[in-house]
Structures are given as C-alpha cells and as structure tokens.
Amino acid sequence: MICPKCKDERTRVLDSRDTDSQKAIRRRRECEKCKHRFTTFERIENTNFVVVKKDGTRENYDREKVLKGIWKACEKRKVTQDQVTKVMNTLEEKWANIGKEVPSKAIGEGIMEALKELDDVAYIRFASVYRQFKDIESFEKELQKLQK
C-alpha cells in the first residue's frame, strides 16, 4: 500500500477490524518513512458485471459513481454512512445475481426503492433526476404516490 502523503511503499498495518457486517476489513496503517497514519478498506469484489445503458452501450459497473448519486440525493439529510453502505451491499448482491450484464434500469429502480425505504426526500431527489421530471405535474404525481 502506498502512503497517500509521501507516496512511499513501506507501510505497516497497525490494526485490522471486521466492518460492514464482516464483508470488509478496515486496516489502520502507518508509513514507515513519514509516520503518516491512514485507513484502508478491503472488501470482496462481487461486482464484476457490466451495465447495459438505455442506448445499448455497455460500461463496467462503478461503485463510486452509484455512491456519488446516492450521496447527492441524501445531501443534508439524516442518513448515515452505515445506512448507505448497507444499501449498497444489498443492491450490489442483487445486481450481481442478475448476471454478467445488468440493465441500467434495474440499477436505477433498485436505488429508488432503497431510497424510498431510507428517506422520502432523498427518494424524491433521486427520482426527479432519474425519471427526468419535465414539469411540476410529474413531480406532484410522484409525491402523491409517496403519500399513499
């Protein structure tokens, strides 16, 4: 592991702990050269699938891209890192079980369902971008569905 501060390769592990329901290992490390301490996470990669977009193009699944969208929807909401991590792990397992190619629609709909359970405002924010609300009426329809 390379030190993020001085870029030296000589680091040592100070502490290792299971995290994320034993699906990841958190390691506390220290650079032997500059003594900078930092944290790394090691997790099983079960996300070896390709996303098939609406136009038929394909791209490798990118966890960070999905996380960025979820966090954007959850901005200034009382949603914790643990909650988002649990949602991501559940969704990724579900998507990986679909097969080697996962439609982007399955990903978007999965995120919306998870956000609906997690936080209503985050759900509406994500849905407004994902479903590309064109006017206030479409926004109101989604709000009415949520209120039922």
C-alpha atoms as a PDB file:
ATOM      1  CA  MET A   1       0.000   0.000   0.000  1.00  0.00           C
ATOM      2  CA  ILE A   2       1.353   3.419  -0.943  1.00  0.00           C
ATOM      3  CA  CYS A   3       1.357   6.234   1.614  1.00  0.00           C
ATOM      4  CA  PRO A   4      -1.086   8.949   0.466  1.00  0.00           C
ATOM      5  CA  LYS A   5       1.168  11.657   1.917  1.00  0.00           C
ATOM      6  CA  CYS A   6       4.725  10.827   0.791  1.00  0.00           C
ATOM      7  CA  LYS A   7       3.978   8.055  -1.757  1.00  0.00           C
ATOM      8  CA  ASP A   8       6.424   5.636  -0.126  1.00  0.00           C
ATOM      9  CA  GLU A   9       5.578   1.934  -0.450  1.00  0.00           C
ATOM     10  CA  ARG A  10       6.766   0.912   3.000  1.00  0.00           C
ATOM     11  CA  THR A  11       3.700   0.893   5.228  1.00  0.00           C
ATOM     12  CA  ARG A  12       2.711  -1.384   8.067  1.00  0.00           C
ATOM     13  CA  VAL A  13      -0.643  -2.459   9.443  1.00  0.00           C
ATOM     14  CA  LEU A  14      -1.291  -1.247  12.999  1.00  0.00           C
ATOM     15  CA  ASP A  15      -4.798  -2.624  13.438  1.00  0.00           C
ATOM     16  CA  SER A  16      -7.314  -4.729  11.477  1.00  0.00           C
ATOM     17  CA  ARG A  17     -11.021  -4.980  12.208  1.00  0.00           C
ATOM     18  CA  ASP A  18     -14.042  -6.516  10.551  1.00  0.00           C
ATOM     19  CA  THR A  19     -16.561  -3.956   9.440  1.00  0.00           C
ATOM     20  CA  ASP A  20     -19.710  -3.739   7.371  1.00  0.00           C
ATOM     21  CA  SER A  21     -21.232  -6.979   8.751  1.00  0.00           C
ATOM     22  CA  GLN A  22     -17.954  -8.825   8.223  1.00  0.00           C
ATOM     23  CA  LYS A  23     -17.978  -8.068   4.499  1.00  0.00           C
ATOM     24  CA  ALA A  24     -14.955  -5.786   4.707  1.00  0.00           C
ATOM     25  CA  ILE A  25     -11.776  -5.337   6.715  1.00  0.00           C
ATOM     26  CA  ARG A  26     -10.724  -1.932   7.993  1.00  0.00           C
ATOM     27  CA  ARG A  27      -6.965  -1.577   8.326  1.00  0.00           C
ATOM     28  CA  ARG A  28      -5.193   1.214  10.172  1.00  0.00           C
ATOM     29  CA  ARG A  29      -1.770   1.741   8.569  1.00  0.00           C
ATOM     30  CA  GLU A  30       1.340   3.783   9.202  1.00  0.00           C
ATOM     31  CA  CYS A  31       4.001   4.868   6.739  1.00  0.00           C
ATOM     32  CA  GLU A  32       7.431   3.772   7.901  1.00  0.00           C
ATOM     33  CA  LYS A  33       9.069   6.772   6.250  1.00  0.00           C
ATOM     34  CA  CYS A  34       6.934   9.800   7.247  1.00  0.00           C
ATOM     35  CA  LYS A  35       4.891   8.151  10.071  1.00  0.00           C
ATOM     36  CA  HIS A  36       1.604   9.323   8.476  1.00  0.00           C
ATOM     37  CA  ARG A  37      -1.371   7.189   9.587  1.00  0.00           C
ATOM     38  CA  PHE A  38      -4.248   6.332   7.284  1.00  0.00           C
ATOM     39  CA  THR A  39      -7.112   3.866   6.917  1.00  0.00           C
ATOM     40  CA  THR A  40      -7.776   1.391   4.126  1.00  0.00           C
ATOM     41  CA  PHE A  41     -10.684  -0.952   3.477  1.00  0.00           C
ATOM     42  CA  GLU A  42     -10.517  -4.369   1.904  1.00  0.00           C
ATOM     43  CA  ARG A  43     -13.694  -5.970   0.583  1.00  0.00           C
ATOM     44  CA  ILE A  44     -14.662  -8.905  -1.586  1.00  0.00           C
ATOM     45  CA  GLU A  45     -15.220  -7.828  -5.153  1.00  0.00           C
ATOM     46  CA  ASN A  46     -18.524  -9.322  -6.165  1.00  0.00           C
ATOM     47  CA  THR A  47     -19.384  -6.619  -8.647  1.00  0.00           C
ATOM     48  CA  ASN A  48     -17.851  -7.999 -11.822  1.00  0.00           C
ATOM     49  CA  PHE A  49     -20.691  -7.042 -14.111  1.00  0.00           C
ATOM     50  CA  VAL A  50     -21.303  -4.695 -16.978  1.00  0.00           C
ATOM     51  CA  VAL A  51     -24.043  -2.066 -17.003  1.00  0.00           C
ATOM     52  CA  VAL A  52     -26.147  -2.030 -20.185  1.00  0.00           C
ATOM     53  CA  LYS A  53     -27.412   1.501 -20.728  1.00  0.00           C
ATOM     54  CA  LYS A  54     -30.680   2.546 -22.397  1.00  0.00           C
ATOM     55  CA  ASP A  55     -28.930   3.238 -25.705  1.00  0.00           C
ATOM     56  CA  GLY A  56     -27.327  -0.231 -25.696  1.00  0.00           C
ATOM     57  CA  THR A  57     -23.818   0.888 -24.760  1.00  0.00           C
ATOM     58  CA  ARG A  58     -22.003  -1.017 -22.055  1.00  0.00           C
ATOM     59  CA  GLU A  59     -19.660   0.112 -19.303  1.00  0.00           C
ATOM     60  CA  ASN A  60     -18.095  -1.534 -16.290  1.00  0.00           C
ATOM     61  CA  TYR A  61     -20.018  -1.132 -13.058  1.00  0.00           C
ATOM     62  CA  ASP A  62     -18.563   1.675 -10.934  1.00  0.00           C
ATOM     63  CA  ARG A  63     -19.468   1.590  -7.226  1.00  0.00           C
ATOM     64  CA  GLU A  64     -18.172   5.130  -6.693  1.00  0.00           C
ATOM     65  CA  LYS A  65     -20.451   6.512  -9.403  1.00  0.00           C
ATOM     66  CA  VAL A  66     -23.510   4.938  -7.756  1.00  0.00           C
ATOM     67  CA  LEU A  67     -22.407   6.105  -4.301  1.00  0.00           C
ATOM     68  CA  LYS A  68     -21.975   9.655  -5.577  1.00  0.00           C
ATOM     69  CA  GLY A  69     -25.562   9.662  -6.878  1.00  0.00           C
ATOM     70  CA  ILE A  70     -26.929   8.287  -3.617  1.00  0.00           C
ATOM     71  CA  TRP A  71     -24.995  10.789  -1.501  1.00  0.00           C
ATOM     72  CA  LYS A  72     -26.144  13.642  -3.744  1.00  0.00           C
ATOM     73  CA  ALA A  73     -29.759  12.615  -3.101  1.00  0.00           C
ATOM     74  CA  CYS A  74     -29.076  12.277   0.644  1.00  0.00           C
ATOM     75  CA  GLU A  75     -27.328  15.639   0.955  1.00  0.00           C
ATOM     76  CA  LYS A  76     -28.289  17.453   4.176  1.00  0.00           C
ATOM     77  CA  ARG A  77     -30.464  14.527   5.292  1.00  0.00           C
ATOM     78  CA  LYS A  78     -30.064  12.417   8.432  1.00  0.00           C
ATOM     79  CA  VAL A  79     -28.668   9.428   6.562  1.00  0.00           C
ATOM     80  CA  THR A  80     -25.584   7.717   7.961  1.00  0.00           C
ATOM     81  CA  GLN A  81     -22.592   6.151   6.257  1.00  0.00           C
ATOM     82  CA  ASP A  82     -23.618   2.763   7.697  1.00  0.00           C
ATOM     83  CA  GLN A  83     -27.101   3.039   6.203  1.00  0.00           C
ATOM     84  CA  VAL A  84     -25.731   3.856   2.747  1.00  0.00           C
ATOM     85  CA  THR A  85     -23.151   1.062   2.981  1.00  0.00           C
ATOM     86  CA  LYS A  86     -25.852  -1.477   3.876  1.00  0.00           C
ATOM     87  CA  VAL A  87     -27.999  -0.267   0.988  1.00  0.00           C
ATOM     88  CA  MET A  88     -25.072  -0.521  -1.424  1.00  0.00           C
ATOM     89  CA  ASN A  89     -24.112  -4.020  -0.301  1.00  0.00           C
ATOM     90  CA  THR A  90     -27.688  -5.268  -0.596  1.00  0.00           C
ATOM     91  CA  LEU A  91     -28.155  -3.709  -4.019  1.00  0.00           C
ATOM     92  CA  GLU A  92     -24.824  -4.968  -5.363  1.00  0.00           C
ATOM     93  CA  GLU A  93     -25.629  -8.532  -4.294  1.00  0.00           C
ATOM     94  CA  LYS A  94     -28.999  -8.254  -6.001  1.00  0.00           C
ATOM     95  CA  TRP A  95     -27.484  -6.848  -9.205  1.00  0.00           C
ATOM     96  CA  ALA A  96     -24.663  -9.408  -9.278  1.00  0.00           C
ATOM     97  CA  ASN A  97     -27.281 -12.174  -9.122  1.00  0.00           C
ATOM     98  CA  ILE A  98     -28.887 -10.849 -12.320  1.00  0.00           C
ATOM     99  CA  GLY A  99     -25.852 -11.933 -14.326  1.00  0.00           C
ATOM    100  CA  LYS A 100     -22.811 -10.575 -16.124  1.00  0.00           C
ATOM    101  CA  GLU A 101     -24.847  -7.811 -17.778  1.00  0.00           C
ATOM    102  CA  VAL A 102     -27.210  -5.671 -15.708  1.00  0.00           C
ATOM    103  CA  PRO A 103     -29.616  -3.185 -17.299  1.00  0.00           C
ATOM    104  CA  SER A 104     -29.191   0.381 -16.052  1.00  0.00           C
ATOM    105  CA  LYS A 105     -32.938   0.392 -15.416  1.00  0.00           C
ATOM    106  CA  ALA A 106     -32.505  -2.345 -12.773  1.00  0.00           C
ATOM    107  CA  ILE A 107     -29.841  -0.235 -11.081  1.00  0.00           C
ATOM    108  CA  GLY A 108     -31.869   2.995 -11.128  1.00  0.00           C
ATOM    109  CA  GLU A 109     -35.069   1.315  -9.947  1.00  0.00           C
ATOM    110  CA  GLY A 110     -33.162  -0.539  -7.210  1.00  0.00           C
ATOM    111  CA  ILE A 111     -31.665   2.686  -5.915  1.00  0.00           C
ATOM    112  CA  MET A 112     -35.060   4.382  -5.924  1.00  0.00           C
ATOM    113  CA  GLU A 113     -36.703   1.532  -3.987  1.00  0.00           C
ATOM    114  CA  ALA A 114     -33.892   1.562  -1.425  1.00  0.00           C
ATOM    115  CA  LEU A 115     -34.065   5.344  -1.021  1.00  0.00           C
ATOM    116  CA  LYS A 116     -37.845   5.180  -0.619  1.00  0.00           C
ATOM    117  CA  GLU A 117     -37.265   2.961   2.442  1.00  0.00           C
ATOM    118  CA  LEU A 118     -34.382   5.094   3.710  1.00  0.00           C
ATOM    119  CA  ASP A 119     -35.549   8.706   3.294  1.00  0.00           C
ATOM    120  CA  ASP A 120     -38.529  10.184   1.427  1.00  0.00           C
ATOM    121  CA  VAL A 121     -36.756  13.403   0.464  1.00  0.00           C
ATOM    122  CA  ALA A 122     -33.712  11.551  -0.857  1.00  0.00           C
ATOM    123  CA  TYR A 123     -36.061   9.326  -2.853  1.00  0.00           C
ATOM    124  CA  ILE A 124     -37.815  12.318  -4.443  1.00  0.00           C
ATOM    125  CA  ARG A 125     -34.488  13.990  -5.224  1.00  0.00           C
ATOM    126  CA  PHE A 126     -33.126  10.869  -6.912  1.00  0.00           C
ATOM    127  CA  ALA A 127     -36.407  10.165  -8.721  1.00  0.00           C
ATOM    128  CA  SER A 128     -36.589  13.708 -10.068  1.00  0.00           C
ATOM    129  CA  VAL A 129     -33.228  13.265 -11.781  1.00  0.00           C
ATOM    130  CA  TYR A 130     -33.630   9.597 -12.744  1.00  0.00           C
ATOM    131  CA  ARG A 131     -37.141   9.983 -14.163  1.00  0.00           C
ATOM    132  CA  GLN A 132     -36.274  13.397 -15.618  1.00  0.00           C
ATOM    133  CA  PHE A 133     -39.334  15.256 -14.369  1.00  0.00           C
ATOM    134  CA  LYS A 134     -40.187  17.788 -17.040  1.00  0.00           C
ATOM    135  CA  ASP A 135     -42.773  19.799 -15.148  1.00  0.00           C
ATOM    136  CA  ILE A 136     -44.376  20.322 -11.749  1.00  0.00           C
ATOM    137  CA  GLU A 137     -47.254  17.939 -12.578  1.00  0.00           C
ATOM    138  CA  SER A 138     -44.968  14.935 -12.926  1.00  0.00           C
ATOM    139  CA  PHE A 139     -43.291  15.916  -9.667  1.00  0.00           C
ATOM    140  CA  GLU A 140     -46.685  16.184  -7.931  1.00  0.00           C
ATOM    141  CA  LYS A 141     -47.742  12.751  -9.232  1.00  0.00           C
ATOM    142  CA  GLU A 142     -44.652  11.176  -7.678  1.00  0.00           C
ATOM    143  CA  LEU A 143     -45.322  12.979  -4.390  1.00  0.00           C
ATOM    144  CA  GLN A 144     -48.905  11.707  -4.377  1.00  0.00           C
ATOM    145  CA  LYS A 145     -47.678   8.124  -4.929  1.00  0.00           C
ATOM    146  CA  LEU A 146     -45.320   8.544  -1.999  1.00  0.00           C
ATOM    147  CA  GLN A 147     -48.071   9.879   0.284  1.00  0.00           C
ATOM    148  CA  LYS A 148     -50.310   6.840  -0.334  1.00  0.00           C
END
